[in-house]
């Protein structure tokens, strides 16, 4: 899927999930499925808190407001135990290989989160390929075997949270 098509699909998904919370579940489900099918040209399945889109090329993406790390998430990716998972997106590429985007909120400063991930990735045998330090946060990228990871920190100021990370993990770019 093209990036603009995926962006449109994500907006439609989020609107559909919001409608389902308001009590219009069946109407929201059908509207979301129809809009996504029209936007992507792929098969769409809305089940509870998740939406799965299957492209004509065999690619498959599942977007969920699940607060759990998927069972098949790579075990050698370090995870802090003081974060709150807010969202998970799983993508299955046509030729194999699963990638994940996980959004986790923390009540500690961004710089602390970034430093922890850089240290833990290195301890776990990951090769750091890029870092950006903005003074209060930034980004760390690393590779290990066939996997790549990007951890990006940003500020958060709701419900007592001070930091949020978006972690992308999947087959590294060739």
Protein backbone atom coordinates (compact mmCIF):
# COMPACT_ATOMS: atom_id res chain seq x y z
CA UNK A 1 0.00 0.00 0.00
CA UNK A 2 1.18 3.50 -0.66
CA UNK A 3 1.91 5.68 2.35
CA UNK A 4 -0.99 8.07 1.51
CA UNK A 5 -3.40 5.16 1.19
CA UNK A 6 -2.25 3.78 4.53
CA UNK A 7 -2.61 7.23 6.14
CA UNK A 8 -6.16 7.52 4.82
CA UNK A 9 -6.89 4.01 6.04
CA UNK A 10 -5.57 4.83 9.51
CA UNK A 11 -7.79 7.94 9.73
CA UNK A 12 -10.83 5.94 8.70
CA UNK A 13 -9.90 3.21 11.23
CA UNK A 14 -9.62 5.65 14.07
CA UNK A 15 -12.95 7.26 13.18
CA UNK A 16 -14.58 3.83 13.01
CA UNK A 17 -13.12 2.78 16.35
CA UNK A 18 -14.39 6.02 17.90
CA UNK A 19 -17.89 5.34 16.54
CA UNK A 20 -17.84 1.81 17.92
CA UNK A 21 -17.15 3.15 21.41
CA UNK A 22 -20.20 5.43 21.17
CA UNK A 23 -22.56 2.45 20.93
CA UNK A 24 -23.11 2.27 17.18
CA UNK A 25 -20.96 -0.83 16.80
CA UNK A 26 -22.58 -2.61 13.86
CA UNK A 27 -23.13 0.61 11.90
CA UNK A 28 -19.59 1.75 12.66
CA UNK A 29 -18.15 -1.65 11.72
CA UNK A 30 -19.88 -1.74 8.34
CA UNK A 31 -19.10 1.92 7.59
CA UNK A 32 -15.44 1.45 8.51
CA UNK A 33 -15.13 -1.73 6.45
CA UNK A 34 -16.74 -0.07 3.42
CA UNK A 35 -14.65 3.10 3.64
CA UNK A 36 -11.41 1.16 4.08
CA UNK A 37 -12.19 -1.21 1.24
CA UNK A 38 -12.90 1.77 -0.99
CA UNK A 39 -9.72 3.60 0.11
CA UNK A 40 -7.37 0.62 -0.11
CA UNK A 41 -8.95 -1.74 -2.61
CA UNK A 42 -8.23 -4.56 -0.19
CA UNK A 43 -10.29 -6.86 2.00
CA UNK A 44 -11.22 -5.37 5.37
CA UNK A 45 -12.31 -7.05 8.59
CA UNK A 46 -13.35 -5.10 11.71
CA UNK A 47 -13.49 -7.21 14.87
CA UNK A 48 -14.02 -5.47 18.20
CA UNK A 49 -11.04 -3.21 18.84
CA UNK A 50 -9.04 -4.21 15.76
CA UNK A 51 -9.14 -3.71 12.01
CA UNK A 52 -7.33 -5.99 9.56
CA UNK A 53 -6.67 -4.83 5.99
CA UNK A 54 -5.47 -7.35 3.40
CA UNK A 55 -3.99 -5.83 0.25
CA UNK A 56 -4.19 -7.30 -3.23
CA UNK A 57 -0.44 -7.93 -3.02
CA UNK A 58 -0.83 -10.16 0.04
CA UNK A 59 0.26 -7.55 2.57
CA UNK A 60 -1.78 -7.53 5.76
CA UNK A 61 -2.00 -4.88 8.48
CA UNK A 62 -3.83 -5.14 11.78
CA UNK A 63 -4.51 -1.95 13.71
CA UNK A 64 -5.69 -2.32 17.28
CA UNK A 65 -6.19 -0.28 20.38
CA UNK A 66 -4.94 -3.28 22.31
CA UNK A 67 -2.91 -2.53 25.41
CA UNK A 68 -0.91 -5.75 25.17
CA UNK A 69 2.33 -6.51 23.39
CA UNK A 70 1.56 -9.25 20.79
CA UNK A 71 2.55 -12.80 21.78
CA UNK A 72 4.76 -13.10 18.68
CA UNK A 73 6.63 -9.82 19.36
CA UNK A 74 10.40 -10.47 19.11
CA UNK A 75 11.60 -11.69 22.53
CA UNK A 76 15.01 -10.00 22.26
CA UNK A 77 13.51 -6.50 22.05
CA UNK A 78 13.90 -4.89 25.47
CA UNK A 79 10.71 -3.60 27.08
CA UNK A 80 10.57 -1.43 30.20
CA UNK A 81 8.08 -2.66 32.75
CA UNK A 82 6.97 0.83 33.83
CA UNK A 83 5.23 1.83 30.59
CA UNK A 84 1.60 1.78 29.50
CA UNK A 85 0.95 0.37 26.01
CA UNK A 86 -1.55 2.52 24.15
CA UNK A 87 -1.63 1.12 20.62
CA UNK A 88 -0.23 -1.70 18.51
CA UNK A 89 -0.07 -2.08 14.72
CA UNK A 90 1.05 -5.39 13.20
CA UNK A 91 1.97 -5.66 9.53
CA UNK A 92 2.55 -8.90 7.63
CA UNK A 93 4.56 -8.41 4.42
CA UNK A 94 3.62 -10.45 1.32
CA UNK A 95 6.97 -12.28 1.23
CA UNK A 96 6.97 -12.98 4.96
CA UNK A 97 8.25 -11.03 7.88
CA UNK A 98 6.15 -9.28 10.48
CA UNK A 99 6.70 -5.74 11.63
CA UNK A 100 5.22 -3.98 14.65
CA UNK A 101 4.60 -0.40 15.70
CA UNK A 102 4.02 -0.06 19.44
CA UNK A 103 3.15 3.17 21.25
CA UNK A 104 4.07 3.19 24.97
CA UNK A 105 3.64 6.03 27.50
CA UNK A 106 5.88 6.62 30.54
CA UNK A 107 5.97 8.82 33.63
CA UNK A 108 9.72 9.46 33.39
CA UNK A 109 11.67 11.98 31.27
CA UNK A 110 12.28 11.32 27.57
CA UNK A 111 16.06 11.44 27.96
CA UNK A 112 15.90 8.66 30.57
CA UNK A 113 13.80 6.47 28.26
CA UNK A 114 16.13 7.04 25.31
CA UNK A 115 19.24 6.32 27.38
CA UNK A 116 17.68 3.14 28.79
CA UNK A 117 16.80 1.82 25.30
CA UNK A 118 20.25 2.60 23.89
CA UNK A 119 21.93 0.82 26.83
CA UNK A 120 19.62 -2.20 26.82
CA UNK A 121 19.81 -2.65 23.04
CA UNK A 122 23.62 -2.63 23.19
CA UNK A 123 23.60 -5.11 26.11
CA UNK A 124 21.32 -7.38 24.09
CA UNK A 125 23.72 -7.53 21.14
CA UNK A 126 21.98 -4.95 18.95
CA UNK A 127 24.24 -2.78 16.77
CA UNK A 128 23.32 0.89 17.17
CA UNK A 129 23.10 2.35 13.65
CA UNK A 130 21.85 5.85 14.40
CA UNK A 131 21.05 8.14 17.29
CA UNK A 132 19.56 11.61 17.57
CA UNK A 133 19.74 13.48 20.86
CA UNK A 134 17.52 16.56 21.14
CA UNK A 135 18.49 17.24 24.75
CA UNK A 136 15.23 15.97 26.18
CA UNK A 137 14.67 12.95 23.96
CA UNK A 138 15.36 11.82 20.43
CA UNK A 139 15.72 8.55 18.53
CA UNK A 140 17.83 5.41 18.55
CA UNK A 141 17.98 2.91 15.67
CA UNK A 142 19.59 -0.51 15.83
CA UNK A 143 19.93 -3.83 14.00
CA UNK A 144 20.34 -7.41 15.13
CA UNK A 145 20.29 -10.32 12.71
CA UNK A 146 17.42 -9.73 10.30
CA UNK A 147 15.63 -7.26 12.59
CA UNK A 148 15.73 -3.50 12.75
CA UNK A 149 14.33 -1.26 15.47
CA UNK A 150 13.65 2.47 15.80
CA UNK A 151 12.69 3.96 19.15
CA UNK A 152 11.51 7.57 19.02
CA UNK A 153 10.66 9.60 22.12
CA UNK A 154 8.29 12.55 22.34
CA UNK A 155 6.76 14.64 25.10
CA UNK A 156 3.41 13.71 26.64
CA UNK A 157 1.44 15.82 29.06
CA UNK A 158 -1.81 14.02 29.80
CA UNK A 159 -2.90 11.81 32.68
CA UNK A 160 0.44 12.26 34.47
CA UNK A 161 2.51 10.85 31.60
CA UNK A 162 5.63 12.78 30.59
CA UNK A 163 7.04 10.70 27.72
CA UNK A 164 5.81 8.52 24.90
CA UNK A 165 7.79 6.24 22.60
CA UNK A 166 6.88 4.88 19.24
CA UNK A 167 8.81 1.68 18.64
CA UNK A 168 9.00 0.17 15.16
CA UNK A 169 10.40 -3.36 14.95
CA UNK A 170 10.61 -5.52 11.85
CA UNK A 171 12.75 -6.94 9.07
CA UNK A 172 15.64 -4.57 8.49
CA UNK A 173 15.85 -2.67 5.22
CA UNK A 174 17.98 -4.25 2.56
